[in-house]
Amino acid sequence: MAQDPRHQLAYRIHFAALGWADRHGHASFGPGKLAALLGKKDKPLSDQSTNNALARARELELVSPRSGAACLVLPSYVFQKRKGAPVPCRLHLDR
């Protein structure tokens, strides 16, 4: 969904944060990687458009105010998985 241009950019940033988050709620992106992810047909989003989308995502509290293009941080009320799950979900093991 982060790459789906039908969604608004601020929500695509939120989806990218959710999809690439580590155990601490941080999603790291190398230089230009977030802009490439948000771009269209092999054309990355401009730096200005990326920064504007990040500002809107922060304003909507979809990502933490500490977020930037290199590291998206999920708000703690969205992502509280610091220790991870103690055991795998049984639902997925029974299939």
Protein backbone atom coordinates (compact mmCIF):
# COMPACT_ATOMS: atom_id res chain seq x y z
CA MET A 1 0.00 0.00 0.00
CA ALA A 2 2.98 2.31 0.50
CA GLN A 3 3.61 2.13 -3.24
CA ASP A 4 -0.02 2.49 -4.30
CA PRO A 5 -0.48 5.97 -5.83
CA ARG A 6 -4.25 5.83 -5.17
CA HIS A 7 -3.52 6.64 -1.50
CA GLN A 8 -2.53 10.09 -0.27
CA LEU A 9 1.21 10.48 0.31
CA ALA A 10 0.89 11.02 4.08
CA TYR A 11 -0.88 7.66 4.40
CA ARG A 12 1.64 5.98 2.11
CA ILE A 13 4.35 7.17 4.51
CA HIS A 14 2.39 5.63 7.38
CA PHE A 15 2.09 2.36 5.44
CA ALA A 16 5.84 2.42 4.74
CA ALA A 17 6.53 2.93 8.44
CA LEU A 18 4.28 0.00 9.33
CA GLY A 19 5.68 -2.26 6.62
CA TRP A 20 9.37 -1.66 7.26
CA ALA A 21 9.34 -1.09 11.04
CA ASP A 22 11.79 -2.96 13.22
CA ARG A 23 11.04 -4.20 16.75
CA HIS A 24 11.30 -0.64 18.05
CA GLY A 25 8.91 0.95 15.56
CA HIS A 26 11.65 2.47 13.40
CA ALA A 27 11.75 2.02 9.62
CA SER A 28 15.14 2.90 8.14
CA PHE A 29 15.62 3.96 4.53
CA GLY A 30 18.88 4.62 2.71
CA PRO A 31 19.46 7.88 0.84
CA GLY A 32 16.66 8.42 -1.67
CA LYS A 33 14.93 5.11 -0.87
CA LEU A 34 11.76 6.59 0.64
CA ALA A 35 11.43 9.02 -2.31
CA ALA A 36 11.87 6.09 -4.72
CA LEU A 37 9.25 4.07 -2.85
CA LEU A 38 6.77 6.96 -3.02
CA GLY A 39 7.55 7.86 -6.64
CA LYS A 40 5.83 6.74 -9.82
CA LYS A 41 7.18 4.48 -12.56
CA ASP A 42 10.88 4.54 -11.65
CA LYS A 43 10.78 8.30 -11.01
CA PRO A 44 11.43 9.15 -7.34
CA LEU A 45 9.38 11.76 -5.56
CA SER A 46 11.20 15.11 -5.33
CA ASP A 47 12.87 16.05 -2.04
CA GLN A 48 10.38 18.87 -1.56
CA SER A 49 7.37 16.59 -2.15
CA THR A 50 8.84 13.95 0.16
CA ASN A 51 9.40 16.55 2.90
CA ASN A 52 5.89 17.94 2.43
CA ALA A 53 4.38 14.46 2.69
CA LEU A 54 6.44 13.79 5.83
CA ALA A 55 5.24 17.04 7.36
CA ARG A 56 1.63 16.11 6.63
CA ALA A 57 2.11 12.60 8.08
CA ARG A 58 3.57 14.16 11.25
CA GLU A 59 0.70 16.67 11.40
CA LEU A 60 -1.84 13.83 11.17
CA GLU A 61 0.14 11.89 13.83
CA LEU A 62 0.64 9.00 11.43
CA VAL A 63 4.35 9.04 12.30
CA SER A 64 6.28 10.50 15.21
CA PRO A 65 7.52 14.11 15.06
CA ARG A 66 11.04 12.56 15.16
CA SER A 67 10.52 11.00 11.72
CA GLY A 68 12.55 11.94 8.68
CA ALA A 69 13.17 10.49 5.23
CA ALA A 70 15.98 8.30 6.59
CA CYS A 71 13.99 6.92 9.53
CA LEU A 72 10.24 6.81 9.99
CA VAL A 73 9.22 6.37 13.61
CA LEU A 74 5.80 5.06 14.55
CA PRO A 75 4.03 6.70 17.49
CA SER A 76 4.12 4.52 20.60
CA TYR A 77 0.32 4.21 20.67
CA VAL A 78 0.49 2.56 17.23
CA PHE A 79 3.53 0.36 17.76
CA GLN A 80 4.30 -1.09 21.18
CA LYS A 81 6.31 -4.18 20.30
CA ARG A 82 9.63 -3.44 21.97
CA LYS A 83 10.14 -6.99 23.24
CA GLY A 84 8.34 -8.78 20.42
CA ALA A 85 5.88 -11.60 20.67
CA PRO A 86 6.89 -14.34 23.16
CA VAL A 87 5.61 -17.17 20.93
CA PRO A 88 4.34 -17.39 17.36
CA CYS A 89 0.62 -16.96 16.81
CA ARG A 90 -1.10 -20.37 16.89
CA LEU A 91 -3.46 -19.35 14.10
CA HIS A 92 -0.59 -19.26 11.59
CA LEU A 93 1.01 -22.49 12.84
CA ASP A 94 -2.18 -24.54 12.37
CA ARG A 95 -2.42 -23.89 8.63
